[in-house]
Amino acid sequence: MAPTMAVTDSKAIATKEKEEGELRKRNQELEKELKESRGREEQMRKELQKIWERLRVAEEAEERLCSQLGELEAESVNQARAYNAHILSLMDQISKANVLVNNHRSLAPISIL
């Protein structure tokens, strides 16, 4: 009975060693995949950081543009008011000049030849 047990034990040992070898190989594959996955994750983090930076720059630019637009709108309103006041002043001057011209005509004698 001893030789049969030795053969069985050697087959069991061989099977166990084969399984261990397969597990080691699978473990190496998983470690390789994990390393690649971590590399991709780090690359994605760097890309995300770049995108966040570009977004921050774009938001700052938007704030500056909005501020400049507000200043330009205020300036254009002031210019429109000044232009309107100037037009009203000119209309008043024309009206006064018309009154003077009409008064001068009514005072001038009409000559009939």
PDB file of N, CA and C in Angstrom:
ATOM      1  N   MET A   1       0.788  -1.178   0.000  1.00  0.00           N
ATOM      2  CA  MET A   1       0.000   0.000   0.000  1.00  0.00           C
ATOM      3  C   MET A   1       0.846   1.264   0.000  1.00  0.00           C
ATOM      4  N   ALA A   2       1.982   1.176   0.413  1.00  0.00           N
ATOM      5  CA  ALA A   2       2.840   2.337   0.489  1.00  0.00           C
ATOM      6  C   ALA A   2       3.207   2.882  -0.873  1.00  0.00           C
ATOM      7  N   PRO A   3       3.508   2.011  -1.902  1.00  0.00           N
ATOM      8  CA  PRO A   3       3.849   2.586  -3.198  1.00  0.00           C
ATOM      9  C   PRO A   3       2.681   3.314  -3.829  1.00  0.00           C
ATOM     10  N   THR A   4       1.459   2.860  -3.626  1.00  0.00           N
ATOM     11  CA  THR A   4       0.295   3.515  -4.197  1.00  0.00           C
ATOM     12  C   THR A   4       0.105   4.883  -3.560  1.00  0.00           C
ATOM     13  N   MET A   5       0.289   4.955  -2.289  1.00  0.00           N
ATOM     14  CA  MET A   5       0.141   6.234  -1.590  1.00  0.00           C
ATOM     15  C   MET A   5       1.206   7.214  -2.067  1.00  0.00           C
ATOM     16  N   ALA A   6       2.416   6.709  -2.342  1.00  0.00           N
ATOM     17  CA  ALA A   6       3.495   7.585  -2.803  1.00  0.00           C
ATOM     18  C   ALA A   6       3.162   8.156  -4.166  1.00  0.00           C
ATOM     19  N   VAL A   7       2.574   7.340  -5.048  1.00  0.00           N
ATOM     20  CA  VAL A   7       2.189   7.811  -6.382  1.00  0.00           C
ATOM     21  C   VAL A   7       1.065   8.827  -6.248  1.00  0.00           C
ATOM     22  N   THR A   8       0.089   8.508  -5.403  1.00  0.00           N
ATOM     23  CA  THR A   8      -1.040   9.412  -5.199  1.00  0.00           C
ATOM     24  C   THR A   8      -0.556  10.714  -4.600  1.00  0.00           C
ATOM     25  N   ASP A   9       0.354  10.604  -3.626  1.00  0.00           N
ATOM     26  CA  ASP A   9       0.883  11.818  -3.010  1.00  0.00           C
ATOM     27  C   ASP A   9       1.674  12.647  -4.029  1.00  0.00           C
ATOM     28  N   SER A  10       2.453  11.988  -4.876  1.00  0.00           N
ATOM     29  CA  SER A  10       3.223  12.739  -5.862  1.00  0.00           C
ATOM     30  C   SER A  10       2.307  13.377  -6.900  1.00  0.00           C
ATOM     31  N   LYS A  11       1.190  12.700  -7.245  1.00  0.00           N
ATOM     32  CA  LYS A  11       0.218  13.308  -8.171  1.00  0.00           C
ATOM     33  C   LYS A  11      -0.459  14.503  -7.508  1.00  0.00           C
ATOM     34  N   ALA A  12      -0.792  14.352  -6.223  1.00  0.00           N
ATOM     35  CA  ALA A  12      -1.436  15.446  -5.494  1.00  0.00           C
ATOM     36  C   ALA A  12      -0.490  16.632  -5.389  1.00  0.00           C
ATOM     37  N   ILE A  13       0.777  16.311  -5.113  1.00  0.00           N
ATOM     38  CA  ILE A  13       1.772  17.387  -5.003  1.00  0.00           C
ATOM     39  C   ILE A  13       1.944  18.079  -6.362  1.00  0.00           C
ATOM     40  N   ALA A  14       2.014  17.264  -7.431  1.00  0.00           N
ATOM     41  CA  ALA A  14       2.161  17.832  -8.771  1.00  0.00           C
ATOM     42  C   ALA A  14       0.958  18.690  -9.120  1.00  0.00           C
ATOM     43  N   THR A  15      -0.235  18.216  -8.803  1.00  0.00           N
ATOM     44  CA  THR A  15      -1.453  18.991  -9.073  1.00  0.00           C
ATOM     45  C   THR A  15      -1.451  20.279  -8.266  1.00  0.00           C
ATOM     46  N   LYS A  16      -1.049  20.155  -7.002  1.00  0.00           N
ATOM     47  CA  LYS A  16      -1.014  21.331  -6.136  1.00  0.00           C
ATOM     48  C   LYS A  16       0.012  22.339  -6.651  1.00  0.00           C
ATOM     49  N   GLU A  17       1.186  21.860  -7.083  1.00  0.00           N
ATOM     50  CA  GLU A  17       2.205  22.759  -7.633  1.00  0.00           C
ATOM     51  C   GLU A  17       1.721  23.417  -8.919  1.00  0.00           C
ATOM     52  N   LYS A  18       1.005  22.663  -9.735  1.00  0.00           N
ATOM     53  CA  LYS A  18       0.463  23.216 -10.981  1.00  0.00           C
ATOM     54  C   LYS A  18      -0.547  24.322 -10.659  1.00  0.00           C
ATOM     55  N   GLU A  19      -1.433  24.062  -9.690  1.00  0.00           N
ATOM     56  CA  GLU A  19      -2.429  25.058  -9.283  1.00  0.00           C
ATOM     57  C   GLU A  19      -1.743  26.304  -8.723  1.00  0.00           C
ATOM     58  N   GLU A  20      -0.708  26.065  -7.899  1.00  0.00           N
ATOM     59  CA  GLU A  20       0.031  27.202  -7.344  1.00  0.00           C
ATOM     60  C   GLU A  20       0.687  28.016  -8.463  1.00  0.00           C
ATOM     61  N   GLY A  21       1.240  27.326  -9.444  1.00  0.00           N
ATOM     62  CA  GLY A  21       1.859  28.016 -10.579  1.00  0.00           C
ATOM     63  C   GLY A  21       0.834  28.837 -11.354  1.00  0.00           C
ATOM     64  N   GLU A  22      -0.341  28.251 -11.571  1.00  0.00           N
ATOM     65  CA  GLU A  22      -1.411  28.970 -12.270  1.00  0.00           C
ATOM     66  C   GLU A  22      -1.875  30.170 -11.453  1.00  0.00           C
ATOM     67  N   LEU A  23      -1.972  29.981 -10.130  1.00  0.00           N
ATOM     68  CA  LEU A  23      -2.376  31.092  -9.259  1.00  0.00           C
ATOM     69  C   LEU A  23      -1.323  32.202  -9.268  1.00  0.00           C
ATOM     70  N   ARG A  24      -0.040  31.817  -9.241  1.00  0.00           N
ATOM     71  CA  ARG A  24       1.029  32.821  -9.308  1.00  0.00           C
ATOM     72  C   ARG A  24       0.951  33.601 -10.633  1.00  0.00           C
ATOM     73  N   LYS A  25       0.758  32.847 -11.715  1.00  0.00           N
ATOM     74  CA  LYS A  25       0.656  33.483 -13.034  1.00  0.00           C
ATOM     75  C   LYS A  25      -0.532  34.439 -13.068  1.00  0.00           C
ATOM     76  N   ARG A  26      -1.664  33.983 -12.565  1.00  0.00           N
ATOM     77  CA  ARG A  26      -2.878  34.821 -12.533  1.00  0.00           C
ATOM     78  C   ARG A  26      -2.648  36.037 -11.642  1.00  0.00           C
ATOM     79  N   ASN A  27      -1.961  35.823 -10.522  1.00  0.00           N
ATOM     80  CA  ASN A  27      -1.655  36.919  -9.606  1.00  0.00           C
ATOM     81  C   ASN A  27      -0.761  37.948 -10.303  1.00  0.00           C
ATOM     82  N   GLN A  28       0.232  37.497 -11.064  1.00  0.00           N
ATOM     83  CA  GLN A  28       1.097  38.408 -11.811  1.00  0.00           C
ATOM     84  C   GLN A  28       0.303  39.191 -12.855  1.00  0.00           C
ATOM     85  N   GLU A  29      -0.603  38.518 -13.532  1.00  0.00           N
ATOM     86  CA  GLU A  29      -1.448  39.186 -14.524  1.00  0.00           C
ATOM     87  C   GLU A  29      -2.309  40.260 -13.867  1.00  0.00           C
ATOM     88  N   LEU A  30      -2.879  39.907 -12.715  1.00  0.00           N
ATOM     89  CA  LEU A  30      -3.720  40.872 -12.003  1.00  0.00           C
ATOM     90  C   LEU A  30      -2.894  42.057 -11.507  1.00  0.00           C
ATOM     91  N   GLU A  31      -1.674  41.789 -11.024  1.00  0.00           N
ATOM     92  CA  GLU A  31      -0.810  42.877 -10.580  1.00  0.00           C
ATOM     93  C   GLU A  31      -0.440  43.780 -11.752  1.00  0.00           C
ATOM     94  N   LYS A  32      -0.190  43.180 -12.915  1.00  0.00           N
ATOM     95  CA  LYS A  32       0.124  43.959 -14.116  1.00  0.00           C
ATOM     96  C   LYS A  32      -1.072  44.823 -14.510  1.00  0.00           C
ATOM     97  N   GLU A  33      -2.270  44.247 -14.506  1.00  0.00           N
ATOM     98  CA  GLU A  33      -3.485  44.998 -14.833  1.00  0.00           C
ATOM     99  C   GLU A  33      -3.714  46.121 -13.830  1.00  0.00           C
ATOM    100  N   LEU A  34      -3.446  45.840 -12.544  1.00  0.00           N
ATOM    101  CA  LEU A  34      -3.605  46.858 -11.506  1.00  0.00           C
ATOM    102  C   LEU A  34      -2.637  48.017 -11.743  1.00  0.00           C
ATOM    103  N   LYS A  35      -1.385  47.679 -12.081  1.00  0.00           N
ATOM    104  CA  LYS A  35      -0.388  48.715 -12.355  1.00  0.00           C
ATOM    105  C   LYS A  35      -0.812  49.561 -13.554  1.00  0.00           C
ATOM    106  N   GLU A  36      -1.298  48.923 -14.607  1.00  0.00           N
ATOM    107  CA  GLU A  36      -1.764  49.658 -15.794  1.00  0.00           C
ATOM    108  C   GLU A  36      -2.968  50.524 -15.448  1.00  0.00           C
ATOM    109  N   SER A  37      -3.856  49.963 -14.637  1.00  0.00           N
ATOM    110  CA  SER A  37      -5.054  50.711 -14.231  1.00  0.00           C
ATOM    111  C   SER A  37      -4.677  51.947 -13.417  1.00  0.00           C
ATOM    112  N   ARG A  38      -3.711  51.781 -12.517  1.00  0.00           N
ATOM    113  CA  ARG A  38      -3.251  52.926 -11.721  1.00  0.00           C
ATOM    114  C   ARG A  38      -2.592  53.976 -12.616  1.00  0.00           C
ATOM    115  N   GLY A  39      -1.867  53.514 -13.624  1.00  0.00           N
ATOM    116  CA  GLY A  39      -1.255  54.452 -14.575  1.00  0.00           C
ATOM    117  C   GLY A  39      -2.312  55.243 -15.326  1.00  0.00           C
ATOM    118  N   ARG A  40      -3.352  54.549 -15.792  1.00  0.00           N
ATOM    119  CA  ARG A  40      -4.451  55.238 -16.489  1.00  0.00           C
ATOM    120  C   ARG A  40      -5.157  56.204 -15.541  1.00  0.00           C
ATOM    121  N   GLU A  41      -5.338  55.772 -14.294  1.00  0.00           N
ATOM    122  CA  GLU A  41      -6.002  56.634 -13.310  1.00  0.00           C
ATOM    123  C   GLU A  41      -5.186  57.909 -13.077  1.00  0.00           C
ATOM    124  N   GLU A  42      -3.869  57.765 -12.965  1.00  0.00           N
ATOM    125  CA  GLU A  42      -3.010  58.929 -12.765  1.00  0.00           C
ATOM    126  C   GLU A  42      -3.057  59.848 -13.984  1.00  0.00           C
ATOM    127  N   GLN A  43      -3.065  59.257 -15.163  1.00  0.00           N
ATOM    128  CA  GLN A  43      -3.156  60.043 -16.391  1.00  0.00           C
ATOM    129  C   GLN A  43      -4.481  60.807 -16.427  1.00  0.00           C
ATOM    130  N   MET A  44      -5.557  60.152 -16.034  1.00  0.00           N
ATOM    131  CA  MET A  44      -6.870  60.809 -16.011  1.00  0.00           C
ATOM    132  C   MET A  44      -6.887  61.935 -14.971  1.00  0.00           C
ATOM    133  N   ARG A  45      -6.216  61.727 -13.834  1.00  0.00           N
ATOM    134  CA  ARG A  45      -6.137  62.783 -12.822  1.00  0.00           C
ATOM    135  C   ARG A  45      -5.421  64.003 -13.377  1.00  0.00           C
ATOM    136  N   LYS A  46      -4.310  63.765 -14.070  1.00  0.00           N
ATOM    137  CA  LYS A  46      -3.567  64.881 -14.653  1.00  0.00           C
ATOM    138  C   LYS A  46      -4.417  65.607 -15.692  1.00  0.00           C
ATOM    139  N   GLU A  47      -5.119  64.847 -16.510  1.00  0.00           N
ATOM    140  CA  GLU A  47      -5.980  65.450 -17.530  1.00  0.00           C
ATOM    141  C   GLU A  47      -7.111  66.247 -16.874  1.00  0.00           C
ATOM    142  N   LEU A  48      -7.686  65.679 -15.824  1.00  0.00           N
ATOM    143  CA  LEU A  48      -8.752  66.382 -15.103  1.00  0.00           C
ATOM    144  C   LEU A  48      -8.221  67.676 -14.493  1.00  0.00           C
ATOM    145  N   GLN A  49      -7.008  67.629 -13.946  1.00  0.00           N
ATOM    146  CA  GLN A  49      -6.400  68.826 -13.361  1.00  0.00           C
ATOM    147  C   GLN A  49      -6.209  69.904 -14.426  1.00  0.00           C
ATOM    148  N   LYS A  50      -5.760  69.497 -15.613  1.00  0.00           N
ATOM    149  CA  LYS A  50      -5.595  70.463 -16.708  1.00  0.00           C
ATOM    150  C   LYS A  50      -6.932  71.074 -17.095  1.00  0.00           C
ATOM    151  N   ILE A  51      -7.959  70.246 -17.148  1.00  0.00           N
ATOM    152  CA  ILE A  51      -9.291  70.740 -17.517  1.00  0.00           C
ATOM    153  C   ILE A  51      -9.798  71.707 -16.463  1.00  0.00           C
ATOM    154  N   TRP A  52      -9.577  71.387 -15.167  1.00  0.00           N
ATOM    155  CA  TRP A  52      -9.998  72.288 -14.092  1.00  0.00           C
ATOM    156  C   TRP A  52      -9.274  73.625 -14.214  1.00  0.00           C
ATOM    157  N   GLU A  53      -7.996  73.575 -14.548  1.00  0.00           N
ATOM    158  CA  GLU A  53      -7.227  74.807 -14.701  1.00  0.00           C
ATOM    159  C   GLU A  53      -7.766  75.635 -15.867  1.00  0.00           C
ATOM    160  N   ARG A  54      -8.047  74.973 -16.999  1.00  0.00           N
ATOM    161  CA  ARG A  54      -8.614  75.689 -18.139  1.00  0.00           C
ATOM    162  C   ARG A  54      -9.974  76.285 -17.787  1.00  0.00           C
ATOM    163  N   LEU A  55     -10.772  75.560 -17.025  1.00  0.00           N
ATOM    164  CA  LEU A  55     -12.078  76.064 -16.596  1.00  0.00           C
ATOM    165  C   LEU A  55     -11.913  77.285 -15.707  1.00  0.00           C
ATOM    166  N   ARG A  56     -10.942  77.233 -14.779  1.00  0.00           N
ATOM    167  CA  ARG A  56     -10.703  78.372 -13.888  1.00  0.00           C
ATOM    168  C   ARG A  56     -10.297  79.600 -14.699  1.00  0.00           C
ATOM    169  N   VAL A  57      -9.415  79.414 -15.672  1.00  0.00           N
ATOM    170  CA  VAL A  57      -8.976  80.524 -16.514  1.00  0.00           C
ATOM    171  C   VAL A  57     -10.155  81.085 -17.305  1.00  0.00           C
ATOM    172  N   ALA A  58     -10.989  80.196 -17.841  1.00  0.00           N
ATOM    173  CA  ALA A  58     -12.157  80.642 -18.615  1.00  0.00           C
ATOM    174  C   ALA A  58     -13.135  81.412 -17.729  1.00  0.00           C
ATOM    175  N   GLU A  59     -13.330  80.942 -16.502  1.00  0.00           N
ATOM    176  CA  GLU A  59     -14.246  81.648 -15.595  1.00  0.00           C
ATOM    177  C   GLU A  59     -13.709  83.027 -15.232  1.00  0.00           C
ATOM    178  N   GLU A  60     -12.394  83.121 -15.002  1.00  0.00           N
ATOM    179  CA  GLU A  60     -11.800  84.424 -14.710  1.00  0.00           C
ATOM    180  C   GLU A  60     -11.944  85.359 -15.901  1.00  0.00           C
ATOM    181  N   ALA A  61     -11.731  84.828 -17.091  1.00  0.00           N
ATOM    182  CA  ALA A  61     -11.880  85.644 -18.299  1.00  0.00           C
ATOM    183  C   ALA A  61     -13.325  86.108 -18.453  1.00  0.00           C
ATOM    184  N   GLU A  62     -14.257  85.219 -18.163  1.00  0.00           N
ATOM    185  CA  GLU A  62     -15.673  85.582 -18.252  1.00  0.00           C
ATOM    186  C   GLU A  62     -15.993  86.703 -17.268  1.00  0.00           C
ATOM    187  N   GLU A  63     -15.458  86.613 -16.049  1.00  0.00           N
ATOM    188  CA  GLU A  63     -15.700  87.661 -15.056  1.00  0.00           C
ATOM    189  C   GLU A  63     -15.129  89.001 -15.522  1.00  0.00           C
ATOM    190  N   ARG A  64     -13.906  88.964 -16.086  1.00  0.00           N
ATOM    191  CA  ARG A  64     -13.308  90.213 -16.585  1.00  0.00           C
ATOM    192  C   ARG A  64     -14.146  90.802 -17.721  1.00  0.00           C
ATOM    193  N   LEU A  65     -14.588  89.940 -18.644  1.00  0.00           N
ATOM    194  CA  LEU A  65     -15.391  90.419 -19.771  1.00  0.00           C
ATOM    195  C   LEU A  65     -16.719  91.001 -19.292  1.00  0.00           C
ATOM    196  N   CYS A  66     -17.351  90.339 -18.330  1.00  0.00           N
ATOM    197  CA  CYS A  66     -18.615  90.865 -17.798  1.00  0.00           C
ATOM    198  C   CYS A  66     -18.402  92.221 -17.143  1.00  0.00           C
ATOM    199  N   SER A  67     -17.300  92.347 -16.416  1.00  0.00           N
ATOM    200  CA  SER A  67     -16.992  93.626 -15.771  1.00  0.00           C
ATOM    201  C   SER A  67     -16.764  94.709 -16.823  1.00  0.00           C
ATOM    202  N   GLN A  68     -15.984  94.393 -17.851  1.00  0.00           N
ATOM    203  CA  GLN A  68     -15.733  95.359 -18.920  1.00  0.00           C
ATOM    204  C   GLN A  68     -17.018  95.714 -19.651  1.00  0.00           C
ATOM    205  N   LEU A  69     -17.864  94.721 -19.881  1.00  0.00           N
ATOM    206  CA  LEU A  69     -19.140  94.976 -20.554  1.00  0.00           C
ATOM    207  C   LEU A  69     -20.001  95.914 -19.717  1.00  0.00           C
ATOM    208  N   GLY A  70     -20.041  95.694 -18.420  1.00  0.00           N
ATOM    209  CA  GLY A  70     -20.804  96.571 -17.532  1.00  0.00           C
ATOM    210  C   GLY A  70     -20.291  98.001 -17.586  1.00  0.00           C
ATOM    211  N   GLU A  71     -18.954  98.141 -17.581  1.00  0.00           N
ATOM    212  CA  GLU A  71     -18.368  99.478 -17.658  1.00  0.00           C
ATOM    213  C   GLU A  71     -18.710 100.141 -18.988  1.00  0.00           C
ATOM    214  N   LEU A  72     -18.646  99.381 -20.079  1.00  0.00           N
ATOM    215  CA  LEU A  72     -18.980  99.938 -21.397  1.00  0.00           C
ATOM    216  C   LEU A  72     -20.452 100.323 -21.481  1.00  0.00           C
ATOM    217  N   GLU A  73     -21.315  99.491 -20.895  1.00  0.00           N
ATOM    218  CA  GLU A  73     -22.743  99.830 -20.901  1.00  0.00           C
ATOM    219  C   GLU A  73     -22.988 101.125 -20.132  1.00  0.00           C
ATOM    220  N   ALA A  74     -22.346 101.272 -18.984  1.00  0.00           N
ATOM    221  CA  ALA A  74     -22.514 102.502 -18.193  1.00  0.00           C
ATOM    222  C   ALA A  74     -21.988 103.703 -18.967  1.00  0.00           C
ATOM    223  N   GLU A  75     -20.854 103.531 -19.620  1.00  0.00           N
ATOM    224  CA  GLU A  75     -20.293 104.626 -20.409  1.00  0.00           C
ATOM    225  C   GLU A  75     -21.203 104.997 -21.580  1.00  0.00           C
ATOM    226  N   SER A  76     -21.778 103.982 -22.244  1.00  0.00           N
ATOM    227  CA  SER A  76     -22.665 104.274 -23.380  1.00  0.00           C
ATOM    228  C   SER A  76     -23.940 104.971 -22.918  1.00  0.00           C
ATOM    229  N   VAL A  77     -24.455 104.607 -21.755  1.00  0.00           N
ATOM    230  CA  VAL A  77     -25.641 105.285 -21.214  1.00  0.00           C
ATOM    231  C   VAL A  77     -25.302 106.747 -20.932  1.00  0.00           C
ATOM    232  N   ASN A  78     -24.135 106.984 -20.331  1.00  0.00           N
ATOM    233  CA  ASN A  78     -23.723 108.368 -20.050  1.00  0.00           C
ATOM    234  C   ASN A  78     -23.550 109.160 -21.342  1.00  0.00           C
ATOM    235  N   GLN A  79     -22.948 108.535 -22.348  1.00  0.00           N
ATOM    236  CA  GLN A  79     -22.776 109.219 -23.630  1.00  0.00           C
ATOM    237  C   GLN A  79     -24.126 109.500 -24.284  1.00  0.00           C
ATOM    238  N   ALA A  80     -25.056 108.573 -24.206  1.00  0.00           N
ATOM    239  CA  ALA A  80     -26.389 108.783 -24.790  1.00  0.00           C
ATOM    240  C   ALA A  80     -27.108 109.922 -24.080  1.00  0.00           C
ATOM    241  N   ARG A  81     -26.962 109.983 -22.753  1.00  0.00           N
ATOM    242  CA  ARG A  81     -27.594 111.076 -22.000  1.00  0.00           C
ATOM    243  C   ARG A  81     -26.972 112.428 -22.383  1.00  0.00           C
ATOM    244  N   ALA A  82     -25.648 112.447 -22.501  1.00  0.00           N
ATOM    245  CA  ALA A  82     -24.972 113.695 -22.874  1.00  0.00           C
ATOM    246  C   ALA A  82     -25.373 114.108 -24.292  1.00  0.00           C
ATOM    247  N   TYR A  83     -25.466 113.143 -25.197  1.00  0.00           N
ATOM    248  CA  TYR A  83     -25.864 113.430 -26.573  1.00  0.00           C
ATOM    249  C   TYR A  83     -27.294 113.952 -26.602  1.00  0.00           C
ATOM    250  N   ASN A  84     -28.170 113.345 -25.839  1.00  0.00           N
ATOM    251  CA  ASN A  84     -29.572 113.785 -25.763  1.00  0.00           C
ATOM    252  C   ASN A  84     -29.659 115.199 -25.200  1.00  0.00           C
ATOM    253  N   ALA A  85     -28.867 115.478 -24.164  1.00  0.00           N
ATOM    254  CA  ALA A  85     -28.863 116.832 -23.593  1.00  0.00           C
ATOM    255  C   ALA A  85     -28.349 117.842 -24.615  1.00  0.00           C
ATOM    256  N   HIS A  86     -27.328 117.459 -25.377  1.00  0.00           N
ATOM    257  CA  HIS A  86     -26.791 118.347 -26.410  1.00  0.00           C
ATOM    258  C   HIS A  86     -27.840 118.613 -27.488  1.00  0.00           C
ATOM    259  N   ILE A  87     -28.572 117.580 -27.900  1.00  0.00           N
ATOM    260  CA  ILE A  87     -29.641 117.744 -28.901  1.00  0.00           C
ATOM    261  C   ILE A  87     -30.722 118.673 -28.370  1.00  0.00           C
ATOM    262  N   LEU A  88     -31.118 118.483 -27.118  1.00  0.00           N
ATOM    263  CA  LEU A  88     -32.136 119.362 -26.530  1.00  0.00           C
ATOM    264  C   LEU A  88     -31.642 120.800 -26.476  1.00  0.00           C
ATOM    265  N   SER A  89     -30.356 120.989 -26.151  1.00  0.00           N
ATOM    266  CA  SER A  89     -29.780 122.338 -26.118  1.00  0.00           C
ATOM    267  C   SER A  89     -29.803 122.963 -27.508  1.00  0.00           C
ATOM    268  N   LEU A  90     -29.425 122.187 -28.521  1.00  0.00           N
ATOM    269  CA  LEU A  90     -29.446 122.697 -29.888  1.00  0.00           C
ATOM    270  C   LEU A  90     -30.869 123.029 -30.336  1.00  0.00           C
ATOM    271  N   MET A  91     -31.829 122.170 -29.953  1.00  0.00           N
ATOM    272  CA  MET A  91     -33.228 122.442 -30.313  1.00  0.00           C
ATOM    273  C   MET A  91     -33.692 123.736 -29.653  1.00  0.00           C
ATOM    274  N   ASP A  92     -33.276 123.958 -28.431  1.00  0.00           N
ATOM    275  CA  ASP A  92     -33.650 125.189 -27.727  1.00  0.00           C
ATOM    276  C   ASP A  92     -33.037 126.402 -28.418  1.00  0.00           C
ATOM    277  N   GLN A  93     -31.774 126.270 -28.828  1.00  0.00           N
ATOM    278  CA  GLN A  93     -31.115 127.378 -29.532  1.00  0.00           C
ATOM    279  C   GLN A  93     -31.812 127.674 -30.863  1.00  0.00           C
ATOM    280  N   ILE A  94     -32.183 126.617 -31.586  1.00  0.00           N
ATOM    281  CA  ILE A  94     -32.883 126.814 -32.864  1.00  0.00           C
ATOM    282  C   ILE A  94     -34.235 127.474 -32.634  1.00  0.00           C
ATOM    283  N   SER A  95     -34.919 127.039 -31.603  1.00  0.00           N
ATOM    284  CA  SER A  95     -36.227 127.630 -31.296  1.00  0.00           C
ATOM    285  C   SER A  95     -36.079 129.118 -30.988  1.00  0.00           C
ATOM    286  N   LYS A  96     -35.087 129.481 -30.186  1.00  0.00           N
ATOM    287  CA  LYS A  96     -34.859 130.891 -29.854  1.00  0.00           C
ATOM    288  C   LYS A  96     -34.469 131.677 -31.104  1.00  0.00           C
ATOM    289  N   ALA A  97     -33.661 131.078 -31.950  1.00  0.00           N
ATOM    290  CA  ALA A  97     -33.262 131.762 -33.188  1.00  0.00           C
ATOM    291  C   ALA A  97     -34.475 131.980 -34.081  1.00  0.00           C
ATOM    292  N   ASN A  98     -35.384 130.995 -34.159  1.00  0.00           N
ATOM    293  CA  ASN A  98     -36.606 131.163 -34.951  1.00  0.00           C
ATOM    294  C   ASN A  98     -37.467 132.286 -34.405  1.00  0.00           C
ATOM    295  N   VAL A  99     -37.567 132.366 -33.094  1.00  0.00           N
ATOM    296  CA  VAL A  99     -38.356 133.447 -32.491  1.00  0.00           C
ATOM    297  C   VAL A  99     -37.760 134.793 -32.872  1.00  0.00           C
ATOM    298  N   LEU A 100     -36.442 134.893 -32.774  1.00  0.00           N
ATOM    299  CA  LEU A 100     -35.777 136.152 -33.136  1.00  0.00           C
ATOM    300  C   LEU A 100     -35.993 136.494 -34.609  1.00  0.00           C
ATOM    301  N   VAL A 101     -35.865 135.503 -35.473  1.00  0.00           N
ATOM    302  CA  VAL A 101     -36.060 135.740 -36.906  1.00  0.00           C
ATOM    303  C   VAL A 101     -37.499 136.166 -37.163  1.00  0.00           C
ATOM    304  N   ASN A 102     -38.471 135.489 -36.565  1.00  0.00           N
ATOM    305  CA  ASN A 102     -39.877 135.851 -36.772  1.00  0.00           C
ATOM    306  C   ASN A 102     -40.183 137.237 -36.225  1.00  0.00           C
ATOM    307  N   ASN A 103     -39.613 137.574 -35.083  1.00  0.00           N
ATOM    308  CA  ASN A 103     -39.821 138.908 -34.516  1.00  0.00           C
ATOM    309  C   ASN A 103     -39.192 139.976 -35.412  1.00  0.00           C
ATOM    310  N   HIS A 104     -38.038 139.715 -35.938  1.00  0.00           N
ATOM    311  CA  HIS A 104     -37.363 140.672 -36.808  1.00  0.00           C
ATOM    312  C   HIS A 104     -38.155 140.881 -38.096  1.00  0.00           C
ATOM    313  N   ARG A 105     -38.759 139.825 -38.664  1.00  0.00           N
ATOM    314  CA  ARG A 105     -39.554 139.944 -39.873  1.00  0.00           C
ATOM    315  C   ARG A 105     -40.807 140.774 -39.634  1.00  0.00           C
ATOM    316  N   SER A 106     -41.410 140.554 -38.475  1.00  0.00           N
ATOM    317  CA  SER A 106     -42.648 141.296 -38.222  1.00  0.00           C
ATOM    318  C   SER A 106     -42.365 142.776 -37.986  1.00  0.00           C
ATOM    319  N   LEU A 107     -41.199 143.131 -37.546  1.00  0.00           N
ATOM    320  CA  LEU A 107     -40.840 144.522 -37.312  1.00  0.00           C
ATOM    321  C   LEU A 107     -40.343 145.214 -38.587  1.00  0.00           C
ATOM    322  N   ALA A 108     -39.852 144.480 -39.526  1.00  0.00           N
ATOM    323  CA  ALA A 108     -39.321 145.071 -40.756  1.00  0.00           C
ATOM    324  C   ALA A 108     -40.488 145.519 -41.653  1.00  0.00           C
ATOM    325  N   PRO A 109     -40.393 146.701 -42.231  1.00  0.00           N
ATOM    326  CA  PRO A 109     -41.469 147.175 -43.109  1.00  0.00           C
ATOM    327  C   PRO A 109     -41.456 146.418 -44.428  1.00  0.00           C
ATOM    328  N   ILE A 110     -42.612 146.248 -44.933  1.00  0.00           N
ATOM    329  CA  ILE A 110     -42.763 145.558 -46.202  1.00  0.00           C
ATOM    330  C   ILE A 110     -42.774 146.641 -47.297  1.00  0.00           C
ATOM    331  N   SER A 111     -41.893 146.519 -48.219  1.00  0.00           N
ATOM    332  CA  SER A 111     -41.837 147.509 -49.298  1.00  0.00           C
ATOM    333  C   SER A 111     -42.562 146.958 -50.515  1.00  0.00           C
ATOM    334  N   ILE A 112     -43.402 147.817 -51.068  1.00  0.00           N
ATOM    335  CA  ILE A 112     -44.133 147.422 -52.258  1.00  0.00           C
ATOM    336  C   ILE A 112     -43.695 148.373 -53.385  1.00  0.00           C
ATOM    337  N   LEU A 113     -43.261 147.877 -54.404  1.00  0.00           N
ATOM    338  CA  LEU A 113     -42.824 148.691 -55.523  1.00  0.00           C
ATOM    339  C   LEU A 113     -43.814 148.709 -56.616  1.00  0.00           C
TER     340      LEU A 113
END
